[in-house]
N, C-alpha and C. Protein backbone atom coordinates (compact mmCIF):
# COMPACT_ATOMS: atom_id res chain seq x y z
N UNK A 1 8.94 -39.58 -9.68
CA UNK A 1 9.07 -40.93 -9.11
C UNK A 1 10.21 -41.90 -9.82
N UNK A 2 10.54 -41.33 -11.18
CA UNK A 2 11.36 -41.95 -12.00
C UNK A 2 12.58 -41.96 -11.33
N UNK A 3 13.06 -40.74 -10.71
CA UNK A 3 14.62 -40.31 -10.49
C UNK A 3 14.79 -41.29 -9.04
N UNK A 4 13.71 -41.28 -8.31
CA UNK A 4 13.89 -41.95 -6.96
C UNK A 4 14.09 -43.66 -7.46
N UNK A 5 13.40 -44.01 -8.46
CA UNK A 5 13.37 -45.92 -8.87
C UNK A 5 14.92 -45.61 -9.04
N UNK A 6 15.34 -44.75 -10.20
CA UNK A 6 16.67 -45.05 -10.42
C UNK A 6 17.82 -44.95 -9.46
N UNK A 7 17.34 -43.94 -8.26
CA UNK A 7 18.65 -43.89 -7.55
C UNK A 7 18.64 -44.81 -6.60
N UNK A 8 17.66 -45.59 -6.01
CA UNK A 8 17.16 -46.48 -4.96
C UNK A 8 17.11 -47.97 -5.46
N UNK A 9 16.53 -47.91 -6.84
CA UNK A 9 16.55 -49.12 -7.15
C UNK A 9 17.39 -50.25 -7.64
N UNK A 10 16.97 -51.65 -7.84
CA UNK A 10 18.14 -52.63 -8.08
C UNK A 10 17.85 -52.66 -9.48
N UNK A 11 19.09 -53.04 -10.34
CA UNK A 11 19.08 -53.07 -11.62
C UNK A 11 19.04 -54.63 -11.89
N UNK A 12 18.12 -55.11 -12.78
CA UNK A 12 18.14 -56.41 -13.23
C UNK A 12 17.72 -56.45 -14.81
N UNK A 13 18.52 -56.60 -15.47
CA UNK A 13 18.61 -56.44 -16.66
C UNK A 13 18.61 -55.03 -17.31
N UNK A 14 17.74 -55.06 -18.20
CA UNK A 14 17.31 -53.58 -18.60
C UNK A 14 16.20 -52.77 -17.67
N UNK A 15 15.88 -53.46 -16.52
CA UNK A 15 15.04 -52.95 -15.61
C UNK A 15 15.71 -52.34 -14.30
N UNK A 16 15.01 -51.63 -13.72
CA UNK A 16 15.43 -51.32 -12.27
C UNK A 16 14.30 -51.48 -11.21
N UNK A 17 14.17 -51.98 -10.64
CA UNK A 17 13.09 -52.56 -9.41
C UNK A 17 13.53 -52.11 -8.25
N UNK A 18 12.19 -51.01 -7.90
CA UNK A 18 12.31 -50.41 -6.47
C UNK A 18 11.26 -51.48 -5.75
N UNK A 19 11.57 -52.26 -4.94
CA UNK A 19 10.79 -53.18 -4.01
C UNK A 19 10.71 -52.73 -2.56
N UNK A 20 10.05 -53.06 -1.76
CA UNK A 20 9.48 -52.92 -0.59
C UNK A 20 11.05 -52.74 0.22
N UNK A 21 11.61 -54.05 -0.01
CA UNK A 21 12.81 -54.06 0.74
C UNK A 21 13.69 -53.08 0.44
N UNK A 22 14.10 -52.54 -0.45
CA UNK A 22 14.85 -51.61 -1.15
C UNK A 22 14.23 -50.16 -0.66
N UNK A 23 12.89 -50.07 -0.63
CA UNK A 23 12.31 -48.93 -0.26
C UNK A 23 12.66 -48.71 1.41
N UNK A 24 12.61 -49.51 1.79
CA UNK A 24 12.97 -49.44 3.30
C UNK A 24 14.41 -49.27 3.69
N UNK A 25 15.47 -49.82 2.86
CA UNK A 25 16.65 -49.23 2.93
C UNK A 25 16.72 -47.91 2.68
N UNK A 26 16.13 -47.17 1.85
CA UNK A 26 16.41 -46.18 1.21
C UNK A 26 15.84 -44.97 2.20
N UNK A 27 14.62 -45.38 2.94
CA UNK A 27 14.07 -44.55 3.94
C UNK A 27 15.19 -44.62 5.11
N UNK A 28 15.79 -45.49 5.45
CA UNK A 28 16.76 -45.52 6.42
C UNK A 28 17.86 -44.58 6.08
N UNK A 29 18.27 -44.65 4.92
CA UNK A 29 19.53 -43.77 4.31
C UNK A 29 18.96 -42.61 4.52
N UNK A 30 17.74 -42.12 4.12
CA UNK A 30 17.44 -40.95 4.08
C UNK A 30 17.31 -40.26 5.25
N UNK A 31 16.72 -41.19 6.43
CA UNK A 31 16.63 -40.79 7.73
C UNK A 31 18.08 -40.62 8.51
N UNK A 32 18.96 -41.00 8.13
CA UNK A 32 20.43 -40.91 8.47
C UNK A 32 20.93 -39.36 8.15
N UNK A 33 20.56 -39.48 6.76
CA UNK A 33 20.83 -37.93 6.01
C UNK A 33 20.27 -36.99 6.55
N UNK A 34 18.87 -36.93 7.02
CA UNK A 34 18.23 -36.04 7.42
C UNK A 34 18.78 -35.71 8.89
N UNK A 35 19.13 -36.81 9.52
CA UNK A 35 19.68 -36.38 11.05
C UNK A 35 20.96 -35.61 11.03
N UNK A 36 21.68 -35.92 9.80
CA UNK A 36 23.10 -35.37 9.72
C UNK A 36 22.66 -34.06 9.47
N UNK A 37 21.93 -33.82 8.50
CA UNK A 37 21.62 -32.32 8.09
C UNK A 37 21.16 -31.68 9.11
N UNK A 38 20.28 -32.09 9.85
CA UNK A 38 19.63 -31.18 11.11
C UNK A 38 20.54 -30.72 12.02
N UNK A 39 21.66 -31.66 12.16
CA UNK A 39 22.67 -31.45 12.99
C UNK A 39 23.51 -30.21 12.32
N UNK A 40 23.82 -30.13 11.05
CA UNK A 40 24.71 -29.34 10.41
C UNK A 40 24.00 -27.95 10.58
N UNK A 41 22.78 -27.93 10.44
CA UNK A 41 21.62 -26.78 10.45
C UNK A 41 21.86 -26.12 11.71
N UNK A 42 21.78 -26.79 12.86
CA UNK A 42 21.87 -26.23 14.19
C UNK A 42 23.24 -25.66 14.21
N UNK A 43 24.39 -26.22 13.62
CA UNK A 43 25.73 -25.76 13.95
C UNK A 43 25.68 -24.30 13.10
N UNK A 44 24.79 -24.36 12.15
CA UNK A 44 25.16 -23.06 10.90
C UNK A 44 25.97 -23.43 9.80
N UNK A 45 25.92 -24.90 9.67
CA UNK A 45 26.71 -25.11 8.30
C UNK A 45 28.05 -25.78 8.63
N UNK A 46 28.95 -25.99 7.63
CA UNK A 46 30.27 -26.69 7.82
C UNK A 46 31.16 -26.23 6.61
N UNK A 47 32.61 -26.48 6.74
CA UNK A 47 33.33 -26.05 5.77
C UNK A 47 34.30 -27.26 5.65
N UNK A 48 34.32 -27.87 4.37
CA UNK A 48 35.36 -28.72 4.06
C UNK A 48 36.35 -28.33 3.18
N UNK A 49 37.51 -28.59 3.85
CA UNK A 49 38.68 -28.22 3.14
C UNK A 49 39.10 -29.08 2.19
N UNK A 50 39.46 -29.05 1.01
CA UNK A 50 40.08 -29.82 0.23
C UNK A 50 41.45 -29.67 -0.81
N UNK A 51 42.27 -30.49 -0.91
CA UNK A 51 43.46 -30.02 -1.90
C UNK A 51 43.63 -31.23 -2.79
N UNK A 52 43.55 -30.80 -4.01
CA UNK A 52 43.57 -32.04 -4.99
C UNK A 52 42.80 -33.13 -4.82
N UNK A 53 41.43 -32.82 -4.97
CA UNK A 53 40.82 -33.99 -4.16
C UNK A 53 40.96 -34.86 -3.00
N UNK A 54 41.80 -34.22 -2.11
CA UNK A 54 42.07 -35.00 -0.82
C UNK A 54 41.13 -34.26 0.27
N UNK A 55 40.37 -34.96 1.20
CA UNK A 55 39.86 -34.04 2.21
C UNK A 55 40.89 -33.90 3.32
N UNK A 56 41.07 -32.77 3.57
CA UNK A 56 42.16 -32.51 4.72
C UNK A 56 41.28 -32.13 6.00
N UNK A 57 40.09 -31.45 6.17
CA UNK A 57 39.79 -31.33 7.39
C UNK A 57 38.29 -30.59 7.33
N UNK A 58 37.18 -30.88 8.15
CA UNK A 58 36.28 -30.18 8.23
C UNK A 58 35.65 -29.47 9.52
N UNK A 59 35.12 -28.21 9.27
CA UNK A 59 34.99 -27.54 10.65
C UNK A 59 33.51 -26.87 10.57
N UNK A 60 33.03 -26.38 12.00
CA UNK A 60 31.86 -25.55 11.87
C UNK A 60 31.99 -24.20 10.88
N UNK A 61 31.33 -23.92 10.20
CA UNK A 61 31.07 -22.62 9.62
C UNK A 61 31.29 -21.46 10.38
N UNK A 62 30.67 -21.53 11.86
CA UNK A 62 30.69 -20.77 12.65
C UNK A 62 32.19 -20.35 13.19
N UNK A 63 32.84 -20.94 13.26
CA UNK A 63 34.10 -21.39 13.68
C UNK A 63 35.23 -20.62 12.78
N UNK A 64 34.93 -20.22 11.57
CA UNK A 64 35.62 -19.58 10.84
C UNK A 64 35.51 -18.25 10.79
N UNK A 65 36.50 -17.60 11.83
CA UNK A 65 35.99 -16.16 11.87
C UNK A 65 37.39 -15.26 11.18
N UNK A 66 38.53 -15.81 10.89
CA UNK A 66 39.63 -15.24 10.75
C UNK A 66 39.44 -14.11 9.40
N UNK A 67 39.98 -12.94 9.67
CA UNK A 67 39.97 -11.95 8.33
C UNK A 67 38.86 -11.44 8.52
N UNK A 68 37.69 -11.61 9.25
CA UNK A 68 36.22 -11.25 9.11
C UNK A 68 36.31 -10.13 10.30
N UNK A 69 35.38 -9.11 9.86
CA UNK A 69 35.38 -8.05 11.22
C UNK A 69 33.73 -7.83 11.75
């Protein structure tokens, strides 16, 4: 519970408050994340190509077959 309040709550001085409005916002964010993860799961995963902290491209994991037998 502490981790959730810290992650989604609103800092006010020394306190972090997780009110109903912040909970609703967090639930919407989690629903969007869940939907994205479900889509990636159906596709079998994804690959992100980076070089020096620059994102170059992203593609489905199943589409990368080069060098595999």
